[in-house]
Amino acid sequence: MEAQFKMKFTPQQAKAFIVAPLNIMVIIPGVILWVSSSGEFLQRHIFSMSAIVGSTCIAIGIHLAFRSVSDLTNHGQDGTPAPWDPPENLIVIGIYKTVRNPMVSGIGFVLLGEGVTLGSSLLLLWLVIWIVGNLIYTPLIEEPELEKRFGDAYLKYKENVPRWVPIFWSREENNS
C-alpha cells in the first residue's frame, strides 16, 4: 500500500521550490504579461472554454509539482527537487511510479494552462522555449548524472517509466 500523502517542507526545500518552479510558473509569466499587455486579459469572460481548459491544466500541474516535492521530501533523505540539492535515494514510488520528471511535467501543465487561460501567445512561446530547454538538459545532463549516481537501478527505472508523460498502468501488464 502506498504511503500516505503528506507534505513537509524544511526552509531549504521551500527555497528550492521557490527558486525554480515558482519563478518558471509565476514570476516569468507575470513579467511577460506585464510587458506585453495592459491588463486586457482581465476583461475576458472568466468561464470561457479556454479558462476551463487552462484552469484544468493548471490544477493538474500544481498537483504534479506538489506530489513531486512531497515524494522527494518524504523519501529522498533530505534532498529537494533542486539540482544543487538532489535526493540521496532514487525515488521510484508515489508519483515517480508513473513519470520520471513529475516536476517538469507539472510546470509544463501550469505554463500551458496559463497560456491557454490568458490567451497569451507569448506565454505559449515561453512554454515552447522551456520545453526545448528541457529536451536538451534532461537527456544530455540530468539523466547521465542519475545513471552515474544510481547505476543499474536508474537504467531499469528509465526503461519502465516515461520521462514526462505519466503512465497509469504497468508496462509489464501490457506485455503479458
C-alpha atoms as a PDB file:
ATOM      1  CA  MET A   1       0.000   0.000   0.000  1.00  0.00           C
ATOM      2  CA  GLU A   2       1.338   3.425  -0.934  1.00  0.00           C
ATOM      3  CA  ALA A   3       2.485   5.724   1.854  1.00  0.00           C
ATOM      4  CA  GLN A   4       0.018   8.365   2.907  1.00  0.00           C
ATOM      5  CA  PHE A   5       0.340  11.650   1.005  1.00  0.00           C
ATOM      6  CA  LYS A   6       1.854  14.228   3.312  1.00  0.00           C
ATOM      7  CA  MET A   7       3.846  17.375   2.738  1.00  0.00           C
ATOM      8  CA  LYS A   8       6.693  18.601   4.904  1.00  0.00           C
ATOM      9  CA  PHE A   9       8.939  21.480   3.975  1.00  0.00           C
ATOM     10  CA  THR A  10      12.224  22.488   5.521  1.00  0.00           C
ATOM     11  CA  PRO A  11      13.422  26.026   4.773  1.00  0.00           C
ATOM     12  CA  GLN A  12      15.944  24.543   2.316  1.00  0.00           C
ATOM     13  CA  GLN A  13      13.208  22.638   0.440  1.00  0.00           C
ATOM     14  CA  ALA A  14      10.919  25.671   0.369  1.00  0.00           C
ATOM     15  CA  LYS A  15      13.789  27.685  -1.111  1.00  0.00           C
ATOM     16  CA  ALA A  16      14.322  25.023  -3.791  1.00  0.00           C
ATOM     17  CA  PHE A  17      10.636  25.178  -4.733  1.00  0.00           C
ATOM     18  CA  ILE A  18      10.566  28.981  -4.783  1.00  0.00           C
ATOM     19  CA  VAL A  19      13.769  29.438  -6.791  1.00  0.00           C
ATOM     20  CA  ALA A  20      12.894  27.227  -9.762  1.00  0.00           C
ATOM     21  CA  PRO A  21       9.214  26.237 -10.161  1.00  0.00           C
ATOM     22  CA  LEU A  22       7.724  29.412  -8.705  1.00  0.00           C
ATOM     23  CA  ASN A  23       9.882  31.594 -10.943  1.00  0.00           C
ATOM     24  CA  ILE A  24       9.153  29.491 -14.033  1.00  0.00           C
ATOM     25  CA  MET A  25       5.397  29.212 -13.377  1.00  0.00           C
ATOM     26  CA  VAL A  26       4.584  32.632 -11.880  1.00  0.00           C
ATOM     27  CA  ILE A  27       7.287  35.315 -11.993  1.00  0.00           C
ATOM     28  CA  ILE A  28       8.424  34.956 -15.625  1.00  0.00           C
ATOM     29  CA  PRO A  29       4.846  34.598 -16.993  1.00  0.00           C
ATOM     30  CA  GLY A  30       3.826  37.612 -14.888  1.00  0.00           C
ATOM     31  CA  VAL A  31       6.644  39.708 -16.330  1.00  0.00           C
ATOM     32  CA  ILE A  32       5.770  38.543 -19.865  1.00  0.00           C
ATOM     33  CA  LEU A  33       2.139  39.604 -19.355  1.00  0.00           C
ATOM     34  CA  TRP A  34       3.097  42.885 -17.727  1.00  0.00           C
ATOM     35  CA  VAL A  35       5.459  43.804 -20.568  1.00  0.00           C
ATOM     36  CA  SER A  36       3.178  42.609 -23.371  1.00  0.00           C
ATOM     37  CA  SER A  37      -0.251  43.929 -22.379  1.00  0.00           C
ATOM     38  CA  SER A  38      -2.124  46.489 -20.395  1.00  0.00           C
ATOM     39  CA  GLY A  39      -4.248  44.034 -18.439  1.00  0.00           C
ATOM     40  CA  GLU A  40      -6.683  43.353 -21.288  1.00  0.00           C
ATOM     41  CA  PHE A  41      -6.861  39.659 -20.357  1.00  0.00           C
ATOM     42  CA  LEU A  42      -8.730  40.595 -17.157  1.00  0.00           C
ATOM     43  CA  GLN A  43     -11.605  41.903 -19.275  1.00  0.00           C
ATOM     44  CA  ARG A  44     -12.222  38.494 -20.906  1.00  0.00           C
ATOM     45  CA  HIS A  45     -15.006  36.142 -19.828  1.00  0.00           C
ATOM     46  CA  ILE A  46     -13.978  34.091 -16.802  1.00  0.00           C
ATOM     47  CA  PHE A  47     -15.982  30.966 -17.732  1.00  0.00           C
ATOM     48  CA  SER A  48     -14.842  30.678 -21.327  1.00  0.00           C
ATOM     49  CA  MET A  49     -13.760  27.284 -22.652  1.00  0.00           C
ATOM     50  CA  SER A  50     -10.135  28.416 -22.662  1.00  0.00           C
ATOM     51  CA  ALA A  51     -10.422  29.365 -18.974  1.00  0.00           C
ATOM     52  CA  ILE A  52     -11.873  25.956 -18.107  1.00  0.00           C
ATOM     53  CA  VAL A  53      -9.245  24.027 -20.102  1.00  0.00           C
ATOM     54  CA  GLY A  54      -6.454  26.265 -18.845  1.00  0.00           C
ATOM     55  CA  SER A  55      -7.564  26.033 -15.217  1.00  0.00           C
ATOM     56  CA  THR A  56      -7.720  22.250 -15.505  1.00  0.00           C
ATOM     57  CA  CYS A  57      -4.148  22.193 -16.852  1.00  0.00           C
ATOM     58  CA  ILE A  58      -3.013  24.477 -14.023  1.00  0.00           C
ATOM     59  CA  ALA A  59      -4.671  22.241 -11.402  1.00  0.00           C
ATOM     60  CA  ILE A  60      -3.045  19.110 -12.869  1.00  0.00           C
ATOM     61  CA  GLY A  61       0.315  20.871 -12.993  1.00  0.00           C
ATOM     62  CA  ILE A  62       0.146  22.091  -9.417  1.00  0.00           C
ATOM     63  CA  HIS A  63      -0.831  18.598  -8.264  1.00  0.00           C
ATOM     64  CA  LEU A  64       2.129  17.029 -10.105  1.00  0.00           C
ATOM     65  CA  ALA A  65       4.570  19.638  -8.776  1.00  0.00           C
ATOM     66  CA  PHE A  66       3.422  19.301  -5.164  1.00  0.00           C
ATOM     67  CA  ARG A  67       3.390  15.479  -5.347  1.00  0.00           C
ATOM     68  CA  SER A  68       6.928  15.624  -6.723  1.00  0.00           C
ATOM     69  CA  VAL A  69       8.140  17.795  -3.855  1.00  0.00           C
ATOM     70  CA  SER A  70       6.259  15.680  -1.312  1.00  0.00           C
ATOM     71  CA  ASP A  71       7.621  12.356  -2.575  1.00  0.00           C
ATOM     72  CA  LEU A  72      11.175  13.699  -2.762  1.00  0.00           C
ATOM     73  CA  THR A  73      10.860  15.259   0.686  1.00  0.00           C
ATOM     74  CA  ASN A  74       9.388  12.163   2.320  1.00  0.00           C
ATOM     75  CA  HIS A  75      11.597   9.543   0.648  1.00  0.00           C
ATOM     76  CA  GLY A  76      14.707  11.299  -0.663  1.00  0.00           C
ATOM     77  CA  GLN A  77      16.778  11.513   2.526  1.00  0.00           C
ATOM     78  CA  ASP A  78      16.578  15.310   2.912  1.00  0.00           C
ATOM     79  CA  GLY A  79      17.038  16.092  -0.785  1.00  0.00           C
ATOM     80  CA  THR A  80      14.974  18.500  -2.834  1.00  0.00           C
ATOM     81  CA  PRO A  81      13.909  18.735  -6.499  1.00  0.00           C
ATOM     82  CA  ALA A  82      16.622  21.362  -6.982  1.00  0.00           C
ATOM     83  CA  PRO A  83      19.660  20.197  -8.979  1.00  0.00           C
ATOM     84  CA  TRP A  84      22.022  21.704  -6.381  1.00  0.00           C
ATOM     85  CA  ASP A  85      20.475  19.622  -3.552  1.00  0.00           C
ATOM     86  CA  PRO A  86      19.331  16.309  -5.061  1.00  0.00           C
ATOM     87  CA  PRO A  87      17.857  13.457  -3.018  1.00  0.00           C
ATOM     88  CA  GLU A  88      20.249  10.758  -1.852  1.00  0.00           C
ATOM     89  CA  ASN A  89      17.864   7.924  -2.790  1.00  0.00           C
ATOM     90  CA  LEU A  90      16.415   7.038  -6.182  1.00  0.00           C
ATOM     91  CA  ILE A  91      12.703   7.690  -5.752  1.00  0.00           C
ATOM     92  CA  VAL A  92      10.533   5.185  -7.648  1.00  0.00           C
ATOM     93  CA  ILE A  93       7.350   5.324  -5.552  1.00  0.00           C
ATOM     94  CA  GLY A  94       4.390   7.683  -5.392  1.00  0.00           C
ATOM     95  CA  ILE A  95       4.073   9.918  -8.448  1.00  0.00           C
ATOM     96  CA  TYR A  96       7.502   8.680  -9.561  1.00  0.00           C
ATOM     97  CA  LYS A  97       5.937   5.293 -10.408  1.00  0.00           C
ATOM     98  CA  THR A  98       4.093   6.970 -13.290  1.00  0.00           C
ATOM     99  CA  VAL A  99       6.568   9.580 -14.575  1.00  0.00           C
ATOM    100  CA  ARG A 100      10.310  10.204 -14.099  1.00  0.00           C
ATOM    101  CA  ASN A 101      10.073  14.008 -14.084  1.00  0.00           C
ATOM    102  CA  PRO A 102       6.769  14.986 -12.441  1.00  0.00           C
ATOM    103  CA  MET A 103       8.086  18.460 -11.545  1.00  0.00           C
ATOM    104  CA  VAL A 104       8.907  19.159 -15.197  1.00  0.00           C
ATOM    105  CA  SER A 105       5.529  17.735 -16.272  1.00  0.00           C
ATOM    106  CA  GLY A 106       3.739  19.793 -13.634  1.00  0.00           C
ATOM    107  CA  ILE A 107       5.470  23.019 -14.609  1.00  0.00           C
ATOM    108  CA  GLY A 108       4.664  22.308 -18.267  1.00  0.00           C
ATOM    109  CA  PHE A 109       0.973  21.843 -17.462  1.00  0.00           C
ATOM    110  CA  VAL A 110       0.915  25.094 -15.458  1.00  0.00           C
ATOM    111  CA  LEU A 111       2.597  27.056 -18.254  1.00  0.00           C
ATOM    112  CA  LEU A 112       0.208  25.577 -20.830  1.00  0.00           C
ATOM    113  CA  GLY A 113      -2.742  26.410 -18.589  1.00  0.00           C
ATOM    114  CA  GLU A 114      -1.580  29.991 -18.112  1.00  0.00           C
ATOM    115  CA  GLY A 115      -1.089  30.494 -21.854  1.00  0.00           C
ATOM    116  CA  VAL A 116      -4.479  28.988 -22.729  1.00  0.00           C
ATOM    117  CA  THR A 117      -6.423  30.688 -19.918  1.00  0.00           C
ATOM    118  CA  LEU A 118      -4.971  34.092 -20.635  1.00  0.00           C
ATOM    119  CA  GLY A 119      -4.906  33.646 -24.405  1.00  0.00           C
ATOM    120  CA  SER A 120      -1.272  34.696 -24.496  1.00  0.00           C
ATOM    121  CA  SER A 121       0.832  33.572 -27.425  1.00  0.00           C
ATOM    122  CA  LEU A 122       3.892  34.957 -25.614  1.00  0.00           C
ATOM    123  CA  LEU A 123       3.245  32.682 -22.631  1.00  0.00           C
ATOM    124  CA  LEU A 124       2.855  29.765 -25.036  1.00  0.00           C
ATOM    125  CA  LEU A 125       6.154  30.793 -26.636  1.00  0.00           C
ATOM    126  CA  TRP A 126       7.729  30.770 -23.142  1.00  0.00           C
ATOM    127  CA  LEU A 127       6.357  27.205 -22.741  1.00  0.00           C
ATOM    128  CA  VAL A 128       7.976  26.149 -26.035  1.00  0.00           C
ATOM    129  CA  ILE A 129      11.320  27.708 -25.015  1.00  0.00           C
ATOM    130  CA  TRP A 130      11.117  25.985 -21.638  1.00  0.00           C
ATOM    131  CA  ILE A 131      10.283  22.621 -23.268  1.00  0.00           C
ATOM    132  CA  VAL A 132      13.204  22.947 -25.694  1.00  0.00           C
ATOM    133  CA  GLY A 133      15.500  23.682 -22.749  1.00  0.00           C
ATOM    134  CA  ASN A 134      14.316  20.512 -21.015  1.00  0.00           C
ATOM    135  CA  LEU A 135      14.605  18.470 -24.216  1.00  0.00           C
ATOM    136  CA  ILE A 136      18.285  19.442 -24.231  1.00  0.00           C
ATOM    137  CA  TYR A 137      19.089  19.464 -20.489  1.00  0.00           C
ATOM    138  CA  THR A 138      17.379  16.253 -19.368  1.00  0.00           C
ATOM    139  CA  PRO A 139      18.947  13.679 -21.736  1.00  0.00           C
ATOM    140  CA  LEU A 140      22.339  15.399 -22.002  1.00  0.00           C
ATOM    141  CA  ILE A 141      22.963  16.442 -18.392  1.00  0.00           C
ATOM    142  CA  GLU A 142      20.397  15.196 -15.870  1.00  0.00           C
ATOM    143  CA  GLU A 143      19.984  11.573 -16.992  1.00  0.00           C
ATOM    144  CA  PRO A 144      23.737  10.804 -17.363  1.00  0.00           C
ATOM    145  CA  GLU A 145      24.247  12.179 -13.854  1.00  0.00           C
ATOM    146  CA  LEU A 146      21.440   9.976 -12.495  1.00  0.00           C
ATOM    147  CA  GLU A 147      22.903   6.958 -14.316  1.00  0.00           C
ATOM    148  CA  LYS A 148      26.261   7.689 -12.670  1.00  0.00           C
ATOM    149  CA  ARG A 149      24.722   8.130  -9.194  1.00  0.00           C
ATOM    150  CA  PHE A 150      22.227   5.244  -9.201  1.00  0.00           C
ATOM    151  CA  GLY A 151      23.625   2.829 -11.829  1.00  0.00           C
ATOM    152  CA  ASP A 152      21.562  -0.170 -12.927  1.00  0.00           C
ATOM    153  CA  ALA A 153      18.631   0.779 -10.687  1.00  0.00           C
ATOM    154  CA  TYR A 154      18.174   4.012 -12.646  1.00  0.00           C
ATOM    155  CA  LEU A 155      18.652   2.269 -16.014  1.00  0.00           C
ATOM    156  CA  LYS A 156      15.876  -0.209 -15.152  1.00  0.00           C
ATOM    157  CA  TYR A 157      13.665   2.619 -13.894  1.00  0.00           C
ATOM    158  CA  LYS A 158      14.354   4.593 -17.089  1.00  0.00           C
ATOM    159  CA  GLU A 159      13.279   1.596 -19.226  1.00  0.00           C
ATOM    160  CA  ASN A 160       9.931   1.253 -17.443  1.00  0.00           C
ATOM    161  CA  VAL A 161       8.815   4.801 -16.635  1.00  0.00           C
ATOM    162  CA  PRO A 162       8.392   7.584 -19.219  1.00  0.00           C
ATOM    163  CA  ARG A 163      10.288  10.844 -18.918  1.00  0.00           C
ATOM    164  CA  TRP A 164       7.436  13.406 -18.954  1.00  0.00           C
ATOM    165  CA  VAL A 165       4.057  11.911 -19.899  1.00  0.00           C
ATOM    166  CA  PRO A 166       2.623   9.929 -16.958  1.00  0.00           C
ATOM    167  CA  ILE A 167       1.505   6.332 -17.436  1.00  0.00           C
ATOM    168  CA  PHE A 168      -1.221   4.906 -15.265  1.00  0.00           C
ATOM    169  CA  TRP A 169      -0.626   1.222 -15.971  1.00  0.00           C
ATOM    170  CA  SER A 170       2.387  -1.026 -15.721  1.00  0.00           C
ATOM    171  CA  ARG A 171       4.232  -1.653 -18.976  1.00  0.00           C
ATOM    172  CA  GLU A 172       4.741  -5.192 -17.736  1.00  0.00           C
ATOM    173  CA  GLU A 173       0.924  -5.651 -17.663  1.00  0.00           C
ATOM    174  CA  ASN A 174       0.773  -4.707 -21.351  1.00  0.00           C
ATOM    175  CA  ASN A 175       3.455  -7.235 -22.286  1.00  0.00           C
ATOM    176  CA  SER A 176       1.543 -10.177 -20.771  1.00  0.00           C
END
